[in-house]
Amino acid sequence: MIKIFLYAPLDYRIHTIEKLYKDSYKEAKKHVLDSDKLRATYYELVANQKWGAKENYDLCLNCSIGNEKIMKTICEYVKMHK
């Protein structure tokens, strides 16, 4: 099993939500922060670890590099760790 964590800077995530859902900046920021809180609570309950703590993952990638680079990086990482 390979554990991968995808993350992105807050402003990048807010602007992505603004574009996808046509939200205002304020609405998008609230959605992102609420989602973070829910994800953290769920992960900590299920995995008994801190969500986003880089040491819990084999590979951590910043989504702002783009989907194509993320996909290529994950594929290469998996090939190296078969």
PDB file of N, CA and C in Angstrom:
ATOM      1  N   MET A   1       0.838  -1.175   0.000  1.00  0.00           N
ATOM      2  CA  MET A   1       0.000   0.000   0.000  1.00  0.00           C
ATOM      3  C   MET A   1       0.888   1.246   0.000  1.00  0.00           C
ATOM      4  N   ILE A   2       0.512   2.195  -0.822  1.00  0.00           N
ATOM      5  CA  ILE A   2       1.216   3.471  -0.884  1.00  0.00           C
ATOM      6  C   ILE A   2       0.254   4.553  -0.408  1.00  0.00           C
ATOM      7  N   LYS A   3       0.682   5.288   0.588  1.00  0.00           N
ATOM      8  CA  LYS A   3      -0.155   6.359   1.150  1.00  0.00           C
ATOM      9  C   LYS A   3       0.252   7.693   0.537  1.00  0.00           C
ATOM     10  N   ILE A   4      -0.718   8.332  -0.128  1.00  0.00           N
ATOM     11  CA  ILE A   4      -0.468   9.590  -0.832  1.00  0.00           C
ATOM     12  C   ILE A   4      -1.344  10.682  -0.246  1.00  0.00           C
ATOM     13  N   PHE A   5      -0.739  11.847  -0.027  1.00  0.00           N
ATOM     14  CA  PHE A   5      -1.482  13.002   0.469  1.00  0.00           C
ATOM     15  C   PHE A   5      -1.380  14.116  -0.562  1.00  0.00           C
ATOM     16  N   LEU A   6      -2.527  14.587  -1.034  1.00  0.00           N
ATOM     17  CA  LEU A   6      -2.583  15.708  -1.963  1.00  0.00           C
ATOM     18  C   LEU A   6      -3.020  16.940  -1.190  1.00  0.00           C
ATOM     19  N   TYR A   7      -2.289  18.025  -1.360  1.00  0.00           N
ATOM     20  CA  TYR A   7      -2.598  19.263  -0.649  1.00  0.00           C
ATOM     21  C   TYR A   7      -2.410  20.439  -1.602  1.00  0.00           C
ATOM     22  N   ALA A   8      -2.842  21.601  -1.190  1.00  0.00           N
ATOM     23  CA  ALA A   8      -2.645  22.814  -1.982  1.00  0.00           C
ATOM     24  C   ALA A   8      -2.747  24.019  -1.058  1.00  0.00           C
ATOM     25  N   PRO A   9      -2.121  25.116  -1.440  1.00  0.00           N
ATOM     26  CA  PRO A   9      -2.229  26.337  -0.646  1.00  0.00           C
ATOM     27  C   PRO A   9      -3.698  26.776  -0.535  1.00  0.00           C
ATOM     28  N   LEU A  10      -4.023  27.411   0.558  1.00  0.00           N
ATOM     29  CA  LEU A  10      -5.398  27.822   0.825  1.00  0.00           C
ATOM     30  C   LEU A  10      -5.968  28.679  -0.305  1.00  0.00           C
ATOM     31  N   ASP A  11      -5.241  29.680  -0.747  1.00  0.00           N
ATOM     32  CA  ASP A  11      -5.759  30.551  -1.809  1.00  0.00           C
ATOM     33  C   ASP A  11      -6.023  29.786  -3.102  1.00  0.00           C
ATOM     34  N   TYR A  12      -5.171  28.852  -3.432  1.00  0.00           N
ATOM     35  CA  TYR A  12      -5.373  28.023  -4.631  1.00  0.00           C
ATOM     36  C   TYR A  12      -6.686  27.245  -4.510  1.00  0.00           C
ATOM     37  N   ARG A  13      -6.913  26.651  -3.348  1.00  0.00           N
ATOM     38  CA  ARG A  13      -8.130  25.859  -3.122  1.00  0.00           C
ATOM     39  C   ARG A  13      -9.369  26.748  -3.161  1.00  0.00           C
ATOM     40  N   ILE A  14      -9.291  27.924  -2.559  1.00  0.00           N
ATOM     41  CA  ILE A  14     -10.422  28.851  -2.561  1.00  0.00           C
ATOM     42  C   ILE A  14     -10.761  29.265  -3.990  1.00  0.00           C
ATOM     43  N   HIS A  15      -9.749  29.632  -4.763  1.00  0.00           N
ATOM     44  CA  HIS A  15      -9.998  30.060  -6.145  1.00  0.00           C
ATOM     45  C   HIS A  15     -10.544  28.914  -6.998  1.00  0.00           C
ATOM     46  N   THR A  16     -10.111  27.694  -6.728  1.00  0.00           N
ATOM     47  CA  THR A  16     -10.644  26.530  -7.446  1.00  0.00           C
ATOM     48  C   THR A  16     -12.128  26.362  -7.159  1.00  0.00           C
ATOM     49  N   ILE A  17     -12.521  26.493  -5.902  1.00  0.00           N
ATOM     50  CA  ILE A  17     -13.936  26.373  -5.522  1.00  0.00           C
ATOM     51  C   ILE A  17     -14.743  27.524  -6.122  1.00  0.00           C
ATOM     52  N   GLU A  18     -14.179  28.725  -6.119  1.00  0.00           N
ATOM     53  CA  GLU A  18     -14.865  29.871  -6.741  1.00  0.00           C
ATOM     54  C   GLU A  18     -15.205  29.564  -8.199  1.00  0.00           C
ATOM     55  N   LYS A  19     -14.229  29.027  -8.932  1.00  0.00           N
ATOM     56  CA  LYS A  19     -14.433  28.728 -10.352  1.00  0.00           C
ATOM     57  C   LYS A  19     -15.421  27.584 -10.563  1.00  0.00           C
ATOM     58  N   LEU A  20     -15.243  26.509  -9.811  1.00  0.00           N
ATOM     59  CA  LEU A  20     -16.081  25.323 -10.006  1.00  0.00           C
ATOM     60  C   LEU A  20     -17.541  25.558  -9.664  1.00  0.00           C
ATOM     61  N   TYR A  21     -17.778  26.267  -8.568  1.00  0.00           N
ATOM     62  CA  TYR A  21     -19.140  26.402  -8.053  1.00  0.00           C
ATOM     63  C   TYR A  21     -19.705  27.816  -8.176  1.00  0.00           C
ATOM     64  N   LYS A  22     -18.919  28.704  -8.796  1.00  0.00           N
ATOM     65  CA  LYS A  22     -19.364  30.103  -8.959  1.00  0.00           C
ATOM     66  C   LYS A  22     -19.686  30.770  -7.617  1.00  0.00           C
ATOM     67  N   ASP A  23     -18.943  30.369  -6.591  1.00  0.00           N
ATOM     68  CA  ASP A  23     -19.099  30.949  -5.253  1.00  0.00           C
ATOM     69  C   ASP A  23     -18.335  32.266  -5.165  1.00  0.00           C
ATOM     70  N   SER A  24     -18.732  33.092  -4.218  1.00  0.00           N
ATOM     71  CA  SER A  24     -17.934  34.278  -3.899  1.00  0.00           C
ATOM     72  C   SER A  24     -16.690  33.810  -3.146  1.00  0.00           C
ATOM     73  N   TYR A  25     -15.711  34.699  -3.030  1.00  0.00           N
ATOM     74  CA  TYR A  25     -14.502  34.355  -2.288  1.00  0.00           C
ATOM     75  C   TYR A  25     -14.855  33.942  -0.860  1.00  0.00           C
ATOM     76  N   LYS A  26     -15.729  34.700  -0.225  1.00  0.00           N
ATOM     77  CA  LYS A  26     -16.116  34.432   1.166  1.00  0.00           C
ATOM     78  C   LYS A  26     -16.792  33.060   1.292  1.00  0.00           C
ATOM     79  N   GLU A  27     -17.709  32.753   0.377  1.00  0.00           N
ATOM     80  CA  GLU A  27     -18.397  31.450   0.415  1.00  0.00           C
ATOM     81  C   GLU A  27     -17.414  30.312   0.169  1.00  0.00           C
ATOM     82  N   ALA A  28     -16.553  30.496  -0.811  1.00  0.00           N
ATOM     83  CA  ALA A  28     -15.579  29.455  -1.152  1.00  0.00           C
ATOM     84  C   ALA A  28     -14.642  29.189   0.021  1.00  0.00           C
ATOM     85  N   LYS A  29     -14.174  30.250   0.667  1.00  0.00           N
ATOM     86  CA  LYS A  29     -13.271  30.091   1.813  1.00  0.00           C
ATOM     87  C   LYS A  29     -13.968  29.322   2.930  1.00  0.00           C
ATOM     88  N   LYS A  30     -15.220  29.639   3.192  1.00  0.00           N
ATOM     89  CA  LYS A  30     -15.975  28.931   4.231  1.00  0.00           C
ATOM     90  C   LYS A  30     -16.100  27.445   3.885  1.00  0.00           C
ATOM     91  N   HIS A  31     -16.411  27.138   2.626  1.00  0.00           N
ATOM     92  CA  HIS A  31     -16.526  25.733   2.207  1.00  0.00           C
ATOM     93  C   HIS A  31     -15.202  24.980   2.392  1.00  0.00           C
ATOM     94  N   VAL A  32     -14.110  25.619   1.995  1.00  0.00           N
ATOM     95  CA  VAL A  32     -12.795  24.984   2.106  1.00  0.00           C
ATOM     96  C   VAL A  32     -12.446  24.731   3.573  1.00  0.00           C
ATOM     97  N   LEU A  33     -12.611  25.727   4.413  1.00  0.00           N
ATOM     98  CA  LEU A  33     -12.264  25.577   5.834  1.00  0.00           C
ATOM     99  C   LEU A  33     -13.169  24.569   6.536  1.00  0.00           C
ATOM    100  N   ASP A  34     -14.473  24.580   6.214  1.00  0.00           N
ATOM    101  CA  ASP A  34     -15.388  23.585   6.783  1.00  0.00           C
ATOM    102  C   ASP A  34     -15.005  22.175   6.345  1.00  0.00           C
ATOM    103  N   SER A  35     -14.668  22.030   5.077  1.00  0.00           N
ATOM    104  CA  SER A  35     -14.261  20.736   4.551  1.00  0.00           C
ATOM    105  C   SER A  35     -12.987  20.241   5.233  1.00  0.00           C
ATOM    106  N   ASP A  36     -12.018  21.130   5.414  1.00  0.00           N
ATOM    107  CA  ASP A  36     -10.783  20.764   6.110  1.00  0.00           C
ATOM    108  C   ASP A  36     -11.072  20.240   7.512  1.00  0.00           C
ATOM    109  N   LYS A  37     -11.948  20.932   8.203  1.00  0.00           N
ATOM    110  CA  LYS A  37     -12.275  20.543   9.578  1.00  0.00           C
ATOM    111  C   LYS A  37     -12.923  19.155   9.608  1.00  0.00           C
ATOM    112  N   LEU A  38     -13.862  18.914   8.688  1.00  0.00           N
ATOM    113  CA  LEU A  38     -14.532  17.609   8.625  1.00  0.00           C
ATOM    114  C   LEU A  38     -13.557  16.499   8.256  1.00  0.00           C
ATOM    115  N   ARG A  39     -12.687  16.767   7.279  1.00  0.00           N
ATOM    116  CA  ARG A  39     -11.701  15.757   6.866  1.00  0.00           C
ATOM    117  C   ARG A  39     -10.763  15.412   8.024  1.00  0.00           C
ATOM    118  N   ALA A  40     -10.304  16.437   8.709  1.00  0.00           N
ATOM    119  CA  ALA A  40      -9.381  16.214   9.825  1.00  0.00           C
ATOM    120  C   ALA A  40     -10.040  15.389  10.913  1.00  0.00           C
ATOM    121  N   THR A  41     -11.270  15.718  11.252  1.00  0.00           N
ATOM    122  CA  THR A  41     -11.992  14.977  12.296  1.00  0.00           C
ATOM    123  C   THR A  41     -12.180  13.525  11.882  1.00  0.00           C
ATOM    124  N   TYR A  42     -12.628  13.309  10.657  1.00  0.00           N
ATOM    125  CA  TYR A  42     -12.849  11.944  10.165  1.00  0.00           C
ATOM    126  C   TYR A  42     -11.550  11.145  10.175  1.00  0.00           C
ATOM    127  N   TYR A  43     -10.478  11.714   9.606  1.00  0.00           N
ATOM    128  CA  TYR A  43      -9.204  11.011   9.515  1.00  0.00           C
ATOM    129  C   TYR A  43      -8.665  10.668  10.902  1.00  0.00           C
ATOM    130  N   GLU A  44      -8.761  11.602  11.812  1.00  0.00           N
ATOM    131  CA  GLU A  44      -8.236  11.359  13.151  1.00  0.00           C
ATOM    132  C   GLU A  44      -9.030  10.285  13.883  1.00  0.00           C
ATOM    133  N   LEU A  45     -10.335  10.222  13.644  1.00  0.00           N
ATOM    134  CA  LEU A  45     -11.154   9.173  14.256  1.00  0.00           C
ATOM    135  C   LEU A  45     -10.866   7.807  13.655  1.00  0.00           C
ATOM    136  N   VAL A  46     -10.766   7.750  12.335  1.00  0.00           N
ATOM    137  CA  VAL A  46     -10.586   6.472  11.643  1.00  0.00           C
ATOM    138  C   VAL A  46      -9.146   5.968  11.733  1.00  0.00           C
ATOM    139  N   ALA A  47      -8.188   6.833  11.463  1.00  0.00           N
ATOM    140  CA  ALA A  47      -6.783   6.417  11.407  1.00  0.00           C
ATOM    141  C   ALA A  47      -6.033   6.625  12.714  1.00  0.00           C
ATOM    142  N   ASN A  48      -6.632   7.366  13.623  1.00  0.00           N
ATOM    143  CA  ASN A  48      -5.986   7.693  14.891  1.00  0.00           C
ATOM    144  C   ASN A  48      -4.635   8.389  14.674  1.00  0.00           C
ATOM    145  N   GLN A  49      -4.601   9.219  13.626  1.00  0.00           N
ATOM    146  CA  GLN A  49      -3.419  10.010  13.311  1.00  0.00           C
ATOM    147  C   GLN A  49      -3.865  11.409  12.924  1.00  0.00           C
ATOM    148  N   LYS A  50      -2.917  12.328  12.906  1.00  0.00           N
ATOM    149  CA  LYS A  50      -3.242  13.705  12.540  1.00  0.00           C
ATOM    150  C   LYS A  50      -3.313  13.834  11.019  1.00  0.00           C
ATOM    151  N   TRP A  51      -4.454  14.370  10.544  1.00  0.00           N
ATOM    152  CA  TRP A  51      -4.651  14.570   9.111  1.00  0.00           C
ATOM    153  C   TRP A  51      -3.660  15.600   8.575  1.00  0.00           C
ATOM    154  N   GLY A  52      -3.025  15.279   7.480  1.00  0.00           N
ATOM    155  CA  GLY A  52      -2.086  16.198   6.853  1.00  0.00           C
ATOM    156  C   GLY A  52      -0.669  16.129   7.373  1.00  0.00           C
ATOM    157  N   ALA A  53      -0.431  15.346   8.423  1.00  0.00           N
ATOM    158  CA  ALA A  53       0.930  15.206   8.954  1.00  0.00           C
ATOM    159  C   ALA A  53       1.749  14.422   7.929  1.00  0.00           C
ATOM    160  N   LYS A  54       2.700  15.078   7.318  1.00  0.00           N
ATOM    161  CA  LYS A  54       3.440  14.509   6.190  1.00  0.00           C
ATOM    162  C   LYS A  54       4.113  13.173   6.525  1.00  0.00           C
ATOM    163  N   GLU A  55       4.471  12.992   7.776  1.00  0.00           N
ATOM    164  CA  GLU A  55       5.147  11.735   8.150  1.00  0.00           C
ATOM    165  C   GLU A  55       4.222  10.519   8.074  1.00  0.00           C
ATOM    166  N   ASN A  56       2.918  10.724   7.921  1.00  0.00           N
ATOM    167  CA  ASN A  56       1.970   9.610   7.811  1.00  0.00           C
ATOM    168  C   ASN A  56       1.822   9.102   6.377  1.00  0.00           C
ATOM    169  N   TYR A  57       2.517   9.714   5.429  1.00  0.00           N
ATOM    170  CA  TYR A  57       2.338   9.389   4.014  1.00  0.00           C
ATOM    171  C   TYR A  57       3.665   9.030   3.359  1.00  0.00           C
ATOM    172  N   ASP A  58       3.571   8.254   2.297  1.00  0.00           N
ATOM    173  CA  ASP A  58       4.754   7.899   1.512  1.00  0.00           C
ATOM    174  C   ASP A  58       5.096   8.998   0.511  1.00  0.00           C
ATOM    175  N   LEU A  59       4.063   9.678   0.024  1.00  0.00           N
ATOM    176  CA  LEU A  59       4.242  10.698  -1.005  1.00  0.00           C
ATOM    177  C   LEU A  59       3.262  11.836  -0.753  1.00  0.00           C
ATOM    178  N   CYS A  60       3.756  13.056  -0.754  1.00  0.00           N
ATOM    179  CA  CYS A  60       2.908  14.241  -0.580  1.00  0.00           C
ATOM    180  C   CYS A  60       3.131  15.146  -1.790  1.00  0.00           C
ATOM    181  N   LEU A  61       2.014  15.583  -2.395  1.00  0.00           N
ATOM    182  CA  LEU A  61       2.108  16.404  -3.598  1.00  0.00           C
ATOM    183  C   LEU A  61       1.245  17.648  -3.477  1.00  0.00           C
ATOM    184  N   ASN A  62       1.782  18.753  -3.926  1.00  0.00           N
ATOM    185  CA  ASN A  62       1.066  20.012  -3.948  1.00  0.00           C
ATOM    186  C   ASN A  62       0.252  20.074  -5.247  1.00  0.00           C
ATOM    187  N   CYS A  63      -1.064  20.110  -5.137  1.00  0.00           N
ATOM    188  CA  CYS A  63      -1.955  20.084  -6.303  1.00  0.00           C
ATOM    189  C   CYS A  63      -1.774  21.279  -7.225  1.00  0.00           C
ATOM    190  N   SER A  64      -1.185  22.348  -6.752  1.00  0.00           N
ATOM    191  CA  SER A  64      -1.018  23.519  -7.603  1.00  0.00           C
ATOM    192  C   SER A  64      -0.031  23.280  -8.742  1.00  0.00           C
ATOM    193  N   ILE A  65       0.675  22.151  -8.737  1.00  0.00           N
ATOM    194  CA  ILE A  65       1.576  21.833  -9.852  1.00  0.00           C
ATOM    195  C   ILE A  65       0.792  21.371 -11.073  1.00  0.00           C
ATOM    196  N   GLY A  66      -0.475  21.042 -10.903  1.00  0.00           N
ATOM    197  CA  GLY A  66      -1.313  20.640 -12.030  1.00  0.00           C
ATOM    198  C   GLY A  66      -1.584  19.145 -12.066  1.00  0.00           C
ATOM    199  N   ASN A  67      -2.741  18.807 -12.585  1.00  0.00           N
ATOM    200  CA  ASN A  67      -3.176  17.412 -12.603  1.00  0.00           C
ATOM    201  C   ASN A  67      -2.254  16.506 -13.411  1.00  0.00           C
ATOM    202  N   GLU A  68      -1.762  16.998 -14.530  1.00  0.00           N
ATOM    203  CA  GLU A  68      -0.880  16.179 -15.388  1.00  0.00           C
ATOM    204  C   GLU A  68       0.401  15.796 -14.646  1.00  0.00           C
ATOM    205  N   LYS A  69       1.030  16.767 -13.980  1.00  0.00           N
ATOM    206  CA  LYS A  69       2.266  16.484 -13.238  1.00  0.00           C
ATOM    207  C   LYS A  69       1.990  15.579 -12.045  1.00  0.00           C
ATOM    208  N   ILE A  70       0.851  15.769 -11.400  1.00  0.00           N
ATOM    209  CA  ILE A  70       0.497  14.913 -10.267  1.00  0.00           C
ATOM    210  C   ILE A  70       0.352  13.477 -10.742  1.00  0.00           C
ATOM    211  N   MET A  71      -0.389  13.283 -11.836  1.00  0.00           N
ATOM    212  CA  MET A  71      -0.611  11.947 -12.368  1.00  0.00           C
ATOM    213  C   MET A  71       0.715  11.277 -12.745  1.00  0.00           C
ATOM    214  N   LYS A  72       1.574  12.000 -13.441  1.00  0.00           N
ATOM    215  CA  LYS A  72       2.866  11.434 -13.849  1.00  0.00           C
ATOM    216  C   LYS A  72       3.723  11.082 -12.639  1.00  0.00           C
ATOM    217  N   THR A  73       3.731  11.952 -11.648  1.00  0.00           N
ATOM    218  CA  THR A  73       4.539  11.715 -10.454  1.00  0.00           C
ATOM    219  C   THR A  73       4.050  10.478  -9.695  1.00  0.00           C
ATOM    220  N   ILE A  74       2.755  10.358  -9.549  1.00  0.00           N
ATOM    221  CA  ILE A  74       2.196   9.194  -8.846  1.00  0.00           C
ATOM    222  C   ILE A  74       2.511   7.915  -9.619  1.00  0.00           C
ATOM    223  N   CYS A  75       2.316   7.928 -10.920  1.00  0.00           N
ATOM    224  CA  CYS A  75       2.600   6.742 -11.740  1.00  0.00           C
ATOM    225  C   CYS A  75       4.071   6.334 -11.620  1.00  0.00           C
ATOM    226  N   GLU A  76       4.982   7.309 -11.682  1.00  0.00           N
ATOM    227  CA  GLU A  76       6.407   7.002 -11.565  1.00  0.00           C
ATOM    228  C   GLU A  76       6.736   6.453 -10.170  1.00  0.00           C
ATOM    229  N   TYR A  77       6.150   7.044  -9.154  1.00  0.00           N
ATOM    230  CA  TYR A  77       6.388   6.596  -7.788  1.00  0.00           C
ATOM    231  C   TYR A  77       5.924   5.138  -7.612  1.00  0.00           C
ATOM    232  N   VAL A  78       4.744   4.845  -8.125  1.00  0.00           N
ATOM    233  CA  VAL A  78       4.207   3.477  -8.021  1.00  0.00           C
ATOM    234  C   VAL A  78       5.096   2.496  -8.757  1.00  0.00           C
ATOM    235  N   LYS A  79       5.555   2.860  -9.945  1.00  0.00           N
ATOM    236  CA  LYS A  79       6.449   1.973 -10.718  1.00  0.00           C
ATOM    237  C   LYS A  79       7.722   1.680  -9.937  1.00  0.00           C
ATOM    238  N   MET A  80       8.268   2.683  -9.257  1.00  0.00           N
ATOM    239  CA  MET A  80       9.512   2.509  -8.496  1.00  0.00           C
ATOM    240  C   MET A  80       9.319   1.665  -7.243  1.00  0.00           C
ATOM    241  N   HIS A  81       8.068   1.568  -6.757  1.00  0.00           N
ATOM    242  CA  HIS A  81       7.821   0.880  -5.485  1.00  0.00           C
ATOM    243  C   HIS A  81       6.957  -0.361  -5.640  1.00  0.00           C
ATOM    244  N   LYS A  82       7.048  -1.015  -6.781  1.00  0.00           N
ATOM    245  CA  LYS A  82       6.295  -2.265  -6.986  1.00  0.00           C
ATOM    246  C   LYS A  82       6.902  -3.379  -6.201  1.00  0.00           C
TER     247      LYS A  82
END
